[in-house]
């Protein structure tokens, strides 16, 4: 199985990378804990959305492949949900 990582997914991660650099800059500048935590919360939210996008895109592809083989897709959906739950 080849997994699909789109340019959109990669761009999301590049934005997160920039946000992380921004958090480090805030820390180096001695900014308040509130500012740092607020930005880290934004990073976490962006990361959660990126994970959901990656799982959804690849789950769709896996389901299509399993359906083409005449297999049950329920296990794939359960595994995807567990993966997202564990990531929190």
C-alpha atoms as a PDB file:
ATOM      1  CA  UNK A   1       0.000   0.000   0.000  1.00  0.00           C
ATOM      2  CA  UNK A   2       1.303   3.414  -0.942  1.00  0.00           C
ATOM      3  CA  UNK A   3       0.246   6.153   1.420  1.00  0.00           C
ATOM      4  CA  UNK A   4      -0.814   9.488   0.031  1.00  0.00           C
ATOM      5  CA  UNK A   5       0.782  12.608   1.519  1.00  0.00           C
ATOM      6  CA  UNK A   6      -0.497  15.588  -0.423  1.00  0.00           C
ATOM      7  CA  UNK A   7       1.099  18.986  -0.870  1.00  0.00           C
ATOM      8  CA  UNK A   8      -1.646  20.370   1.379  1.00  0.00           C
ATOM      9  CA  UNK A   9      -0.581  18.024   4.180  1.00  0.00           C
ATOM     10  CA  UNK A  10       3.052  18.996   3.767  1.00  0.00           C
ATOM     11  CA  UNK A  11       2.176  22.703   3.757  1.00  0.00           C
ATOM     12  CA  UNK A  12       0.253  22.276   7.002  1.00  0.00           C
ATOM     13  CA  UNK A  13       3.337  20.732   8.584  1.00  0.00           C
ATOM     14  CA  UNK A  14       5.544  23.526   7.276  1.00  0.00           C
ATOM     15  CA  UNK A  15       3.188  26.061   8.881  1.00  0.00           C
ATOM     16  CA  UNK A  16       3.397  24.116  12.154  1.00  0.00           C
ATOM     17  CA  UNK A  17       7.177  24.137  11.841  1.00  0.00           C
ATOM     18  CA  UNK A  18       7.024  27.935  11.535  1.00  0.00           C
ATOM     19  CA  UNK A  19       4.728  28.147  14.552  1.00  0.00           C
ATOM     20  CA  UNK A  20       7.213  26.104  16.596  1.00  0.00           C
ATOM     21  CA  UNK A  21      10.008  28.449  15.566  1.00  0.00           C
ATOM     22  CA  UNK A  22       7.790  31.310  16.694  1.00  0.00           C
ATOM     23  CA  UNK A  23       7.273  29.699  20.098  1.00  0.00           C
ATOM     24  CA  UNK A  24      11.020  29.254  20.507  1.00  0.00           C
ATOM     25  CA  UNK A  25      11.510  32.907  19.597  1.00  0.00           C
ATOM     26  CA  UNK A  26       8.957  33.936  22.249  1.00  0.00           C
ATOM     27  CA  UNK A  27      10.851  31.884  24.810  1.00  0.00           C
ATOM     28  CA  UNK A  28      14.212  33.337  23.772  1.00  0.00           C
ATOM     29  CA  UNK A  29      12.731  36.835  24.091  1.00  0.00           C
ATOM     30  CA  UNK A  30      11.477  36.014  27.589  1.00  0.00           C
ATOM     31  CA  UNK A  31       7.811  36.501  26.724  1.00  0.00           C
ATOM     32  CA  UNK A  32       5.126  35.539  29.218  1.00  0.00           C
ATOM     33  CA  UNK A  33       4.089  31.984  29.976  1.00  0.00           C
ATOM     34  CA  UNK A  34       0.591  32.929  28.779  1.00  0.00           C
ATOM     35  CA  UNK A  35       1.917  33.938  25.355  1.00  0.00           C
ATOM     36  CA  UNK A  36       4.026  30.784  25.011  1.00  0.00           C
ATOM     37  CA  UNK A  37       1.216  28.454  26.114  1.00  0.00           C
ATOM     38  CA  UNK A  38      -1.257  30.229  23.843  1.00  0.00           C
ATOM     39  CA  UNK A  39       0.996  29.657  20.841  1.00  0.00           C
ATOM     40  CA  UNK A  40       1.646  26.048  21.853  1.00  0.00           C
ATOM     41  CA  UNK A  41      -2.118  25.533  21.994  1.00  0.00           C
ATOM     42  CA  UNK A  42      -2.345  26.837  18.423  1.00  0.00           C
ATOM     43  CA  UNK A  43       0.405  24.374  17.424  1.00  0.00           C
ATOM     44  CA  UNK A  44      -1.486  21.514  19.053  1.00  0.00           C
ATOM     45  CA  UNK A  45      -4.708  22.446  17.266  1.00  0.00           C
ATOM     46  CA  UNK A  46      -2.930  22.682  13.924  1.00  0.00           C
ATOM     47  CA  UNK A  47      -1.233  19.352  14.568  1.00  0.00           C
ATOM     48  CA  UNK A  48      -4.564  17.694  15.439  1.00  0.00           C
ATOM     49  CA  UNK A  49      -6.086  18.979  12.195  1.00  0.00           C
ATOM     50  CA  UNK A  50      -3.103  17.750  10.182  1.00  0.00           C
ATOM     51  CA  UNK A  51      -3.376  14.289  11.770  1.00  0.00           C
ATOM     52  CA  UNK A  52      -7.087  14.122  11.042  1.00  0.00           C
ATOM     53  CA  UNK A  53      -6.508  15.116   7.423  1.00  0.00           C
ATOM     54  CA  UNK A  54      -3.763  12.509   6.983  1.00  0.00           C
ATOM     55  CA  UNK A  55      -5.828   9.735   8.572  1.00  0.00           C
ATOM     56  CA  UNK A  56      -8.975  10.652   6.618  1.00  0.00           C
ATOM     57  CA  UNK A  57      -7.189  10.808   3.282  1.00  0.00           C
ATOM     58  CA  UNK A  58      -5.363   7.539   3.768  1.00  0.00           C
ATOM     59  CA  UNK A  59      -8.381   5.811   5.317  1.00  0.00           C
ATOM     60  CA  UNK A  60     -10.394   6.673   2.230  1.00  0.00           C
ATOM     61  CA  UNK A  61      -7.719   5.136   0.006  1.00  0.00           C
ATOM     62  CA  UNK A  62      -7.458   2.019   2.198  1.00  0.00           C
ATOM     63  CA  UNK A  63     -11.238   1.564   2.178  1.00  0.00           C
ATOM     64  CA  UNK A  64     -11.385   1.822  -1.597  1.00  0.00           C
ATOM     65  CA  UNK A  65      -8.627  -0.755  -1.944  1.00  0.00           C
ATOM     66  CA  UNK A  66     -10.265  -3.144   0.533  1.00  0.00           C
ATOM     67  CA  UNK A  67     -13.653  -2.767  -1.158  1.00  0.00           C
ATOM     68  CA  UNK A  68     -12.070  -3.522  -4.526  1.00  0.00           C
ATOM     69  CA  UNK A  69     -10.766  -6.768  -3.000  1.00  0.00           C
ATOM     70  CA  UNK A  70     -14.220  -7.567  -1.589  1.00  0.00           C
ATOM     71  CA  UNK A  71     -13.044  -7.288   2.014  1.00  0.00           C
ATOM     72  CA  UNK A  72     -14.776  -5.876   5.095  1.00  0.00           C
ATOM     73  CA  UNK A  73     -13.675  -2.315   5.858  1.00  0.00           C
ATOM     74  CA  UNK A  74     -14.987  -2.113   9.429  1.00  0.00           C
ATOM     75  CA  UNK A  75     -11.611  -3.050  10.914  1.00  0.00           C
ATOM     76  CA  UNK A  76      -9.890  -0.221   9.008  1.00  0.00           C
ATOM     77  CA  UNK A  77     -12.341   2.351  10.317  1.00  0.00           C
ATOM     78  CA  UNK A  78     -11.924   1.067  13.876  1.00  0.00           C
ATOM     79  CA  UNK A  79      -8.121   1.238  13.582  1.00  0.00           C
ATOM     80  CA  UNK A  80      -8.296   4.806  12.235  1.00  0.00           C
ATOM     81  CA  UNK A  81     -10.518   5.924  15.108  1.00  0.00           C
ATOM     82  CA  UNK A  82      -8.185   4.264  17.633  1.00  0.00           C
ATOM     83  CA  UNK A  83      -5.208   5.977  16.030  1.00  0.00           C
ATOM     84  CA  UNK A  84      -6.838   9.388  16.379  1.00  0.00           C
ATOM     85  CA  UNK A  85      -7.934   8.704  19.960  1.00  0.00           C
ATOM     86  CA  UNK A  86      -4.443   7.553  20.982  1.00  0.00           C
ATOM     87  CA  UNK A  87      -2.930  10.699  19.479  1.00  0.00           C
ATOM     88  CA  UNK A  88      -4.767  12.817  22.056  1.00  0.00           C
END
